[in-house]
Amino acid sequence: MECIEFVVPGLATGQGRARFARVGKGVRTYERTEDMEAKDRVGWYFMQAAPGHKLWVGPVEMRIECTFPWPKSWPRWMREWAAAERRLYLKKPDASNVLKLVEDALGSPKRQVAMRDDCVVTPDGPHRYYVQSNDEPPCMLVRMTHRPELLPTKGWAIK
C-alpha cells in the first residue's frame, strides 16, 4: 500500500463545462484554458511530491481537503466562530467539480500522471473548509493511497 500526499497552493477550482465551437457543418468540443492550466498545476505538484512515480493500476483511494479564506465582510464574532471549529465552506466551486478536476489531472487517458484511468478512484471528499486564520493561505491537500490488495485474485485481468 503506497501513499502519496501533496499540497497545491492557491484557491481550489472546479472542472468547468465542456465548450462547443462550430467547425463548418459540425461541432467541436474543447476545454477552457483555465481548466487546462489548473490540471497542469495539479499534475506538476504531484510530480514534485512523487518523482519517478510508476503508473498505478488498480483501486486508488483519494482524499481531498480544500481551504478557503473568510469573506472580508464577516464580523469578528463570525471569524472567531469559524476559527474555533472547522467550518464547512458551502459555496462554489462545488465538491464534485473539484474532484473531477483532480481525477482528470492525474488519471485521464490524455494525461496519465498517477494512474492509468481515473475510473479506479474511490473518493473521500473533497472536504471544503474555511481557513483557521487568515494568515493561513488557501490550498488543496490531496492524499492518494494505492490499494492493489482490494483486487480479486482470480479471474481478474487489468488491461
C-alpha atoms as a PDB file:
ATOM      1  CA  MET A   1       0.000   0.000   0.000  1.00  0.00           C
ATOM      2  CA  GLU A   2       1.694   3.162  -1.242  1.00  0.00           C
ATOM      3  CA  CYS A   3       0.567   6.618  -0.121  1.00  0.00           C
ATOM      4  CA  ILE A   4       1.365   9.973  -1.739  1.00  0.00           C
ATOM      5  CA  GLU A   5       0.352  13.307  -0.256  1.00  0.00           C
ATOM      6  CA  PHE A   6       0.859  16.714  -1.840  1.00  0.00           C
ATOM      7  CA  VAL A   7      -0.365  20.289  -1.456  1.00  0.00           C
ATOM      8  CA  VAL A   8      -1.496  22.542  -4.295  1.00  0.00           C
ATOM      9  CA  PRO A   9      -1.284  26.151  -3.056  1.00  0.00           C
ATOM     10  CA  GLY A  10      -3.946  28.684  -4.026  1.00  0.00           C
ATOM     11  CA  LEU A  11      -7.706  28.567  -4.313  1.00  0.00           C
ATOM     12  CA  ALA A  12      -9.196  25.271  -5.449  1.00  0.00           C
ATOM     13  CA  THR A  13     -11.056  25.411  -8.733  1.00  0.00           C
ATOM     14  CA  GLY A  14     -13.604  23.046 -10.190  1.00  0.00           C
ATOM     15  CA  GLN A  15     -13.822  21.392 -13.573  1.00  0.00           C
ATOM     16  CA  GLY A  16     -15.754  23.628 -15.965  1.00  0.00           C
ATOM     17  CA  ARG A  17     -18.311  22.536 -18.502  1.00  0.00           C
ATOM     18  CA  ALA A  18     -17.214  21.380 -21.922  1.00  0.00           C
ATOM     19  CA  ARG A  19     -17.270  24.158 -24.518  1.00  0.00           C
ATOM     20  CA  PHE A  20     -18.513  23.800 -28.080  1.00  0.00           C
ATOM     21  CA  ALA A  21     -17.429  25.538 -31.278  1.00  0.00           C
ATOM     22  CA  ARG A  22     -18.846  25.328 -34.756  1.00  0.00           C
ATOM     23  CA  VAL A  23     -16.486  23.930 -37.372  1.00  0.00           C
ATOM     24  CA  GLY A  24     -18.053  24.016 -40.819  1.00  0.00           C
ATOM     25  CA  LYS A  25     -21.245  21.971 -40.543  1.00  0.00           C
ATOM     26  CA  GLY A  26     -20.108  20.142 -37.411  1.00  0.00           C
ATOM     27  CA  VAL A  27     -19.391  20.940 -33.786  1.00  0.00           C
ATOM     28  CA  ARG A  28     -16.100  20.517 -31.896  1.00  0.00           C
ATOM     29  CA  THR A  29     -15.702  20.300 -28.111  1.00  0.00           C
ATOM     30  CA  TYR A  30     -12.821  21.893 -26.256  1.00  0.00           C
ATOM     31  CA  GLU A  31     -11.638  22.630 -22.703  1.00  0.00           C
ATOM     32  CA  ARG A  32     -11.363  26.049 -21.143  1.00  0.00           C
ATOM     33  CA  THR A  33      -7.798  27.370 -20.830  1.00  0.00           C
ATOM     34  CA  GLU A  34      -8.291  27.848 -17.064  1.00  0.00           C
ATOM     35  CA  ASP A  35      -9.158  24.154 -16.659  1.00  0.00           C
ATOM     36  CA  MET A  36      -6.109  23.014 -18.618  1.00  0.00           C
ATOM     37  CA  GLU A  37      -3.831  25.275 -16.549  1.00  0.00           C
ATOM     38  CA  ALA A  38      -5.372  24.028 -13.271  1.00  0.00           C
ATOM     39  CA  LYS A  39      -4.888  20.387 -14.342  1.00  0.00           C
ATOM     40  CA  ASP A  40      -1.288  21.090 -15.325  1.00  0.00           C
ATOM     41  CA  ARG A  41      -0.684  22.704 -11.924  1.00  0.00           C
ATOM     42  CA  VAL A  42      -2.127  19.712 -10.014  1.00  0.00           C
ATOM     43  CA  GLY A  43      -0.061  17.318 -12.137  1.00  0.00           C
ATOM     44  CA  TRP A  44       3.106  19.374 -11.565  1.00  0.00           C
ATOM     45  CA  TYR A  45       2.696  19.343  -7.774  1.00  0.00           C
ATOM     46  CA  PHE A  46       2.047  15.591  -7.880  1.00  0.00           C
ATOM     47  CA  MET A  47       5.246  15.004  -9.869  1.00  0.00           C
ATOM     48  CA  GLN A  48       7.194  17.148  -7.379  1.00  0.00           C
ATOM     49  CA  ALA A  49       5.861  15.015  -4.498  1.00  0.00           C
ATOM     50  CA  ALA A  50       6.494  11.685  -6.265  1.00  0.00           C
ATOM     51  CA  PRO A  51       9.436  11.902  -8.689  1.00  0.00           C
ATOM     52  CA  GLY A  52       9.904   8.749 -10.746  1.00  0.00           C
ATOM     53  CA  HIS A  53       6.372   7.547  -9.960  1.00  0.00           C
ATOM     54  CA  LYS A  54       5.177   4.492 -11.916  1.00  0.00           C
ATOM     55  CA  LEU A  55       1.534   4.477 -13.002  1.00  0.00           C
ATOM     56  CA  TRP A  56      -0.759   2.777 -10.523  1.00  0.00           C
ATOM     57  CA  VAL A  57      -3.048   0.006 -11.719  1.00  0.00           C
ATOM     58  CA  GLY A  58      -5.991  -0.943  -9.544  1.00  0.00           C
ATOM     59  CA  PRO A  59      -8.000   0.807  -6.821  1.00  0.00           C
ATOM     60  CA  VAL A  60      -6.883   4.219  -5.547  1.00  0.00           C
ATOM     61  CA  GLU A  61      -8.357   5.951  -2.505  1.00  0.00           C
ATOM     62  CA  MET A  62      -8.273   9.730  -2.817  1.00  0.00           C
ATOM     63  CA  ARG A  63      -8.930  12.282  -0.073  1.00  0.00           C
ATOM     64  CA  ILE A  64      -9.067  15.970  -0.948  1.00  0.00           C
ATOM     65  CA  GLU A  65      -9.218  18.810   1.578  1.00  0.00           C
ATOM     66  CA  CYS A  66      -9.615  22.370   0.337  1.00  0.00           C
ATOM     67  CA  THR A  67      -9.331  25.515   2.442  1.00  0.00           C
ATOM     68  CA  PHE A  68     -10.784  28.888   1.523  1.00  0.00           C
ATOM     69  CA  PRO A  69     -10.315  32.350   3.068  1.00  0.00           C
ATOM     70  CA  TRP A  70     -13.038  34.005   5.115  1.00  0.00           C
ATOM     71  CA  PRO A  71     -15.110  36.675   3.391  1.00  0.00           C
ATOM     72  CA  LYS A  72     -13.866  40.163   4.243  1.00  0.00           C
ATOM     73  CA  SER A  73     -17.417  41.139   5.171  1.00  0.00           C
ATOM     74  CA  TRP A  74     -17.570  38.724   8.126  1.00  0.00           C
ATOM     75  CA  PRO A  75     -17.733  40.420  11.541  1.00  0.00           C
ATOM     76  CA  ARG A  76     -15.206  39.479  14.233  1.00  0.00           C
ATOM     77  CA  TRP A  77     -17.571  37.148  16.120  1.00  0.00           C
ATOM     78  CA  MET A  78     -18.145  35.109  12.952  1.00  0.00           C
ATOM     79  CA  ARG A  79     -14.395  34.828  12.224  1.00  0.00           C
ATOM     80  CA  GLU A  80     -13.804  33.647  15.812  1.00  0.00           C
ATOM     81  CA  TRP A  81     -16.629  31.143  15.448  1.00  0.00           C
ATOM     82  CA  ALA A  82     -15.106  29.786  12.216  1.00  0.00           C
ATOM     83  CA  ALA A  83     -11.611  29.619  13.747  1.00  0.00           C
ATOM     84  CA  ALA A  84     -12.811  27.740  16.846  1.00  0.00           C
ATOM     85  CA  GLU A  85     -14.257  24.884  14.783  1.00  0.00           C
ATOM     86  CA  ARG A  86     -13.595  23.727  11.254  1.00  0.00           C
ATOM     87  CA  ARG A  87     -16.485  25.360   9.463  1.00  0.00           C
ATOM     88  CA  LEU A  88     -17.605  23.917   6.150  1.00  0.00           C
ATOM     89  CA  TYR A  89     -17.293  26.020   3.021  1.00  0.00           C
ATOM     90  CA  LEU A  90     -20.618  25.761   1.146  1.00  0.00           C
ATOM     91  CA  LYS A  91     -20.071  27.946  -1.927  1.00  0.00           C
ATOM     92  CA  LYS A  92     -18.575  27.464  -5.388  1.00  0.00           C
ATOM     93  CA  PRO A  93     -16.634  25.531  -6.550  1.00  0.00           C
ATOM     94  CA  ASP A  94     -18.760  22.544  -5.654  1.00  0.00           C
ATOM     95  CA  ALA A  95     -17.047  19.419  -4.361  1.00  0.00           C
ATOM     96  CA  SER A  96     -17.851  17.148  -7.315  1.00  0.00           C
ATOM     97  CA  ASN A  97     -16.233  19.538  -9.804  1.00  0.00           C
ATOM     98  CA  VAL A  98     -13.075  19.832  -7.670  1.00  0.00           C
ATOM     99  CA  LEU A  99     -12.883  16.033  -7.558  1.00  0.00           C
ATOM    100  CA  LYS A 100     -13.371  15.786 -11.345  1.00  0.00           C
ATOM    101  CA  LEU A 101     -10.574  18.265 -11.971  1.00  0.00           C
ATOM    102  CA  VAL A 102      -8.090  16.396  -9.738  1.00  0.00           C
ATOM    103  CA  GLU A 103      -9.077  12.996 -11.151  1.00  0.00           C
ATOM    104  CA  ASP A 104      -8.681  14.234 -14.727  1.00  0.00           C
ATOM    105  CA  ALA A 105      -5.365  15.912 -13.910  1.00  0.00           C
ATOM    106  CA  LEU A 106      -3.897  12.684 -12.530  1.00  0.00           C
ATOM    107  CA  GLY A 107      -5.566   9.894 -14.476  1.00  0.00           C
ATOM    108  CA  SER A 108      -7.363  10.868 -17.660  1.00  0.00           C
ATOM    109  CA  PRO A 109      -6.344   8.934 -20.791  1.00  0.00           C
ATOM    110  CA  LYS A 110      -4.592  12.056 -22.159  1.00  0.00           C
ATOM    111  CA  ARG A 111      -2.611  12.871 -19.006  1.00  0.00           C
ATOM    112  CA  GLN A 112      -1.842   9.605 -17.105  1.00  0.00           C
ATOM    113  CA  VAL A 113       0.324  11.159 -14.381  1.00  0.00           C
ATOM    114  CA  ALA A 114      -0.533   8.952 -11.364  1.00  0.00           C
ATOM    115  CA  MET A 115      -2.813   6.191 -12.661  1.00  0.00           C
ATOM    116  CA  ARG A 116      -3.902   4.693 -15.954  1.00  0.00           C
ATOM    117  CA  ASP A 117      -7.529   5.693 -15.672  1.00  0.00           C
ATOM    118  CA  ASP A 118      -9.470   7.824 -13.201  1.00  0.00           C
ATOM    119  CA  CYS A 119     -12.326   5.279 -13.055  1.00  0.00           C
ATOM    120  CA  VAL A 120     -10.378   3.356 -10.348  1.00  0.00           C
ATOM    121  CA  VAL A 121     -10.619   6.222  -7.826  1.00  0.00           C
ATOM    122  CA  THR A 122     -12.648   5.802  -4.661  1.00  0.00           C
ATOM    123  CA  PRO A 123     -13.134   9.369  -3.406  1.00  0.00           C
ATOM    124  CA  ASP A 124     -13.277  10.553   0.191  1.00  0.00           C
ATOM    125  CA  GLY A 125     -14.378  14.134  -0.117  1.00  0.00           C
ATOM    126  CA  PRO A 126     -13.486  16.698  -1.254  1.00  0.00           C
ATOM    127  CA  HIS A 127     -13.884  18.328   2.123  1.00  0.00           C
ATOM    128  CA  ARG A 128     -14.083  22.114   1.938  1.00  0.00           C
ATOM    129  CA  TYR A 129     -13.355  24.306   4.962  1.00  0.00           C
ATOM    130  CA  TYR A 130     -12.621  27.898   5.843  1.00  0.00           C
ATOM    131  CA  VAL A 131      -9.016  28.514   6.924  1.00  0.00           C
ATOM    132  CA  GLN A 132      -8.343  28.528  10.684  1.00  0.00           C
ATOM    133  CA  SER A 133      -6.850  32.041  10.449  1.00  0.00           C
ATOM    134  CA  ASN A 134      -6.450  34.476   7.591  1.00  0.00           C
ATOM    135  CA  ASP A 135      -2.668  34.131   7.982  1.00  0.00           C
ATOM    136  CA  GLU A 136      -3.037  30.607   6.613  1.00  0.00           C
ATOM    137  CA  PRO A 137      -3.044  30.646   2.791  1.00  0.00           C
ATOM    138  CA  PRO A 138      -5.783  28.734   0.948  1.00  0.00           C
ATOM    139  CA  CYS A 139      -4.693  25.422  -0.536  1.00  0.00           C
ATOM    140  CA  MET A 140      -5.780  21.967  -1.643  1.00  0.00           C
ATOM    141  CA  LEU A 141      -4.355  18.898   0.124  1.00  0.00           C
ATOM    142  CA  VAL A 142      -4.543  15.669  -1.889  1.00  0.00           C
ATOM    143  CA  ARG A 143      -3.808  12.290  -0.265  1.00  0.00           C
ATOM    144  CA  MET A 144      -3.776   9.232  -2.540  1.00  0.00           C
ATOM    145  CA  THR A 145      -3.381   5.620  -1.422  1.00  0.00           C
ATOM    146  CA  HIS A 146      -2.835   2.759  -3.866  1.00  0.00           C
ATOM    147  CA  ARG A 147      -4.808  -0.317  -2.748  1.00  0.00           C
ATOM    148  CA  PRO A 148      -3.968  -3.195  -5.140  1.00  0.00           C
ATOM    149  CA  GLU A 149      -4.837  -5.728  -2.400  1.00  0.00           C
ATOM    150  CA  LEU A 150      -8.522  -4.903  -2.967  1.00  0.00           C
ATOM    151  CA  LEU A 151      -8.447  -6.522  -6.412  1.00  0.00           C
ATOM    152  CA  PRO A 152      -9.868 -10.044  -6.689  1.00  0.00           C
ATOM    153  CA  THR A 153      -7.117 -12.645  -7.054  1.00  0.00           C
ATOM    154  CA  LYS A 154      -8.778 -14.983  -9.570  1.00  0.00           C
ATOM    155  CA  GLY A 155     -10.247 -14.198 -12.944  1.00  0.00           C
ATOM    156  CA  TRP A 156      -9.304 -10.510 -12.948  1.00  0.00           C
ATOM    157  CA  ALA A 157      -7.362  -9.061 -15.862  1.00  0.00           C
ATOM    158  CA  ILE A 158      -6.090  -5.495 -15.923  1.00  0.00           C
ATOM    159  CA  LYS A 159      -5.548  -4.016 -19.346  1.00  0.00           C
END
